[in-house]
Amino acid sequence: MMRTKNLIIITALAMFIGVNMVAQPNQENPPMKCEKAALCPFNNEMGIPGLTTEQSAKLKELKLAHYKEVQPVKNQLKELKAKQHTLTTAEKPDMKAINANIDEITKLENTLMKARAAHIQQIRALLTDEQRMIFDSRKHKPGKKGMQIRHNRMEHAQMPMKKCEMNVSENK
């Protein structure tokens, strides 16, 4: 009886310590950032090396214009998808209404895809051949973008200083 009690306490304590160790950030290799942020080639929103201030400003304008164009469409799309859920889960679903709603959803998705394709081409037009090559090597798929940008930012934020400085000297 006492032995079982001790075994349970030891197991619980080991689990508690294990969970705490996993939750702690890695203190041995903390993420390193470029100390000279202006010199780091990846120190821009798009992760494209060598952007000029003019290119960065124009990209910000394009991004804002694109956002203003697609955000209302995205909001409508969310509303239609919620409506679709309501229509399809009704006790007596109206197939005519479901199909009409599907048609509306696909129209909006088509609009978003065309706007995105135009936006990507506008960005490409601003870039040099080398920058375009890097930009084109990335995936520009809806739904994946946010995760990919966060991943890319994390990679570059954790890049050791020496490697970052080395890349700067290669670009000169």
Protein backbone atom coordinates (compact mmCIF):
# COMPACT_ATOMS: atom_id res chain seq x y z
CA MET A 1 0.00 0.00 0.00
CA MET A 2 2.73 2.45 1.00
CA ARG A 3 4.85 1.36 -1.90
CA THR A 4 2.02 2.00 -4.39
CA LYS A 5 1.44 5.43 -2.88
CA ASN A 6 5.13 6.31 -3.20
CA LEU A 7 5.18 5.06 -6.79
CA ILE A 8 2.18 7.26 -7.67
CA ILE A 9 3.83 10.32 -6.06
CA ILE A 10 7.13 9.70 -7.86
CA THR A 11 5.33 9.23 -11.21
CA ALA A 12 3.32 12.42 -10.74
CA LEU A 13 6.45 14.35 -9.77
CA ALA A 14 8.35 13.03 -12.82
CA MET A 15 5.48 14.02 -15.12
CA PHE A 16 5.32 17.50 -13.57
CA ILE A 17 9.06 18.03 -14.00
CA GLY A 18 8.94 16.70 -17.58
CA VAL A 19 6.11 19.03 -18.56
CA ASN A 20 7.91 22.01 -17.03
CA MET A 21 11.12 21.20 -18.88
CA VAL A 22 9.31 21.02 -22.22
CA ALA A 23 7.55 24.33 -21.53
CA GLN A 24 10.83 26.16 -20.81
CA PRO A 25 12.43 27.99 -23.73
CA ASN A 26 15.77 26.76 -24.98
CA GLN A 27 18.24 28.79 -22.92
CA GLU A 28 21.35 27.25 -24.50
CA ASN A 29 20.75 28.66 -27.97
CA PRO A 30 18.49 31.71 -27.70
CA PRO A 31 17.38 33.15 -31.05
CA MET A 32 19.90 35.63 -32.39
CA LYS A 33 18.96 38.68 -34.37
CA CYS A 34 21.10 40.90 -36.46
CA GLU A 35 22.53 43.57 -34.21
CA LYS A 36 22.95 45.84 -37.21
CA ALA A 37 19.35 45.50 -38.38
CA ALA A 38 19.82 47.84 -41.32
CA LEU A 39 22.61 45.62 -42.67
CA CYS A 40 20.77 42.33 -42.42
CA PRO A 41 19.65 41.34 -45.93
CA PHE A 42 16.48 39.71 -44.63
CA ASN A 43 15.37 42.67 -42.55
CA ASN A 44 12.21 43.41 -44.48
CA GLU A 45 8.66 42.23 -44.40
CA MET A 46 8.87 40.07 -47.51
CA GLY A 47 12.16 38.40 -46.62
CA ILE A 48 13.61 39.46 -49.96
CA PRO A 49 17.26 40.53 -49.78
CA GLY A 50 18.41 43.89 -51.06
CA LEU A 51 15.11 45.79 -51.21
CA THR A 52 15.63 49.50 -51.66
CA THR A 53 13.67 51.96 -49.56
CA GLU A 54 11.70 52.87 -52.68
CA GLN A 55 10.83 49.21 -53.30
CA SER A 56 9.82 48.75 -49.66
CA ALA A 57 7.60 51.83 -49.76
CA LYS A 58 5.93 50.70 -52.99
CA LEU A 59 5.42 47.18 -51.61
CA LYS A 60 3.71 48.65 -48.53
CA GLU A 61 1.42 50.69 -50.80
CA LEU A 62 0.59 47.60 -52.86
CA LYS A 63 -0.08 45.56 -49.75
CA LEU A 64 -2.43 48.19 -48.32
CA ALA A 65 -4.30 48.58 -51.61
CA HIS A 66 -4.62 44.79 -51.93
CA TYR A 67 -5.87 44.52 -48.35
CA LYS A 68 -8.51 47.20 -48.94
CA GLU A 69 -9.60 45.41 -52.10
CA VAL A 70 -9.87 41.87 -50.74
CA GLN A 71 -10.93 42.36 -47.11
CA PRO A 72 -14.60 43.13 -47.91
CA VAL A 73 -14.68 40.12 -50.25
CA LYS A 74 -13.16 37.89 -47.55
CA ASN A 75 -15.77 39.12 -45.08
CA GLN A 76 -18.57 38.31 -47.52
CA LEU A 77 -17.04 34.90 -48.11
CA LYS A 78 -17.00 34.14 -44.39
CA GLU A 79 -20.65 35.15 -44.15
CA LEU A 80 -21.58 32.90 -47.07
CA LYS A 81 -19.68 29.97 -45.58
CA ALA A 82 -21.52 30.44 -42.29
CA LYS A 83 -24.78 30.56 -44.24
CA GLN A 84 -23.73 27.39 -46.06
CA HIS A 85 -23.23 25.64 -42.75
CA THR A 86 -26.69 26.75 -41.64
CA LEU A 87 -28.26 25.63 -44.92
CA THR A 88 -26.58 22.21 -44.96
CA THR A 89 -27.33 21.41 -41.33
CA ALA A 90 -31.02 22.36 -41.50
CA GLU A 91 -33.53 19.68 -40.67
CA LYS A 92 -34.93 19.89 -44.23
CA PRO A 93 -32.11 21.26 -46.41
CA ASP A 94 -33.15 23.33 -49.43
CA MET A 95 -30.86 22.11 -52.23
CA LYS A 96 -31.76 25.06 -54.43
CA ALA A 97 -30.60 27.51 -51.74
CA ILE A 98 -27.49 25.40 -51.01
CA ASN A 99 -26.49 25.34 -54.68
CA ALA A 100 -27.15 29.06 -55.10
CA ASN A 101 -24.99 29.78 -52.05
CA ILE A 102 -22.23 27.53 -53.44
CA ASP A 103 -22.35 29.56 -56.65
CA GLU A 104 -21.94 32.79 -54.68
CA ILE A 105 -19.04 31.32 -52.71
CA THR A 106 -17.22 30.24 -55.85
CA LYS A 107 -17.74 33.69 -57.44
CA LEU A 108 -16.08 35.34 -54.43
CA GLU A 109 -13.27 32.77 -54.34
CA ASN A 110 -12.70 33.44 -58.05
CA THR A 111 -12.53 37.19 -57.34
CA LEU A 112 -9.99 36.60 -54.55
CA MET A 113 -7.83 34.35 -56.70
CA LYS A 114 -7.74 36.90 -59.52
CA ALA A 115 -6.94 39.75 -57.12
CA ARG A 116 -4.15 37.69 -55.58
CA ALA A 117 -2.68 36.80 -58.97
CA ALA A 118 -2.71 40.47 -59.99
CA HIS A 119 -1.12 41.46 -56.67
CA ILE A 120 1.69 38.93 -57.10
CA GLN A 121 2.39 40.21 -60.61
CA GLN A 122 2.49 43.80 -59.32
CA ILE A 123 5.04 42.76 -56.71
CA ARG A 124 7.12 40.87 -59.27
CA ALA A 125 7.19 43.96 -61.52
CA LEU A 126 8.93 45.94 -58.74
CA LEU A 127 11.71 43.42 -58.16
CA THR A 128 15.08 42.93 -59.80
CA ASP A 129 15.77 39.62 -61.54
CA GLU A 130 17.62 38.25 -58.48
CA GLN A 131 14.88 39.37 -56.08
CA ARG A 132 12.22 37.96 -58.40
CA MET A 133 14.00 34.61 -58.43
CA ILE A 134 13.86 34.47 -54.61
CA PHE A 135 10.26 35.68 -54.55
CA ASP A 136 9.22 33.13 -57.17
CA SER A 137 10.87 30.29 -55.26
CA ARG A 138 8.34 30.78 -52.47
CA LYS A 139 4.86 29.42 -52.52
CA HIS A 140 2.12 32.00 -52.86
CA LYS A 141 -0.89 29.93 -51.99
CA PRO A 142 -3.87 31.20 -50.04
CA GLY A 143 -4.08 29.71 -46.59
CA LYS A 144 -0.39 28.80 -46.50
CA LYS A 145 0.97 32.33 -46.71
CA GLY A 146 0.64 33.36 -43.09
CA MET A 147 2.27 30.23 -41.76
CA GLN A 148 5.07 30.44 -44.31
CA ILE A 149 5.87 34.08 -43.56
CA ARG A 150 5.93 33.38 -39.83
CA HIS A 151 8.20 30.39 -40.49
CA ASN A 152 10.52 32.46 -42.70
CA ARG A 153 10.67 35.25 -40.14
CA MET A 154 11.50 32.75 -37.42
CA GLU A 155 14.29 31.23 -39.54
CA HIS A 156 15.86 34.61 -40.18
CA ALA A 157 15.37 35.80 -36.60
CA GLN A 158 17.28 32.74 -35.39
CA MET A 159 20.02 33.15 -37.98
CA PRO A 160 23.40 33.56 -36.26
CA MET A 161 24.95 37.01 -36.54
CA LYS A 162 28.01 35.83 -38.45
CA LYS A 163 25.91 34.14 -41.13
CA CYS A 164 23.77 37.25 -41.50
CA GLU A 165 26.84 39.49 -41.83
CA MET A 166 28.31 37.07 -44.35
CA ASN A 167 25.18 37.38 -46.48
CA VAL A 168 25.46 41.16 -46.40
CA SER A 169 29.01 41.08 -47.73
CA GLU A 170 27.95 38.67 -50.50
CA ASN A 171 25.28 41.13 -51.71
CA LYS A 172 27.77 44.01 -52.18
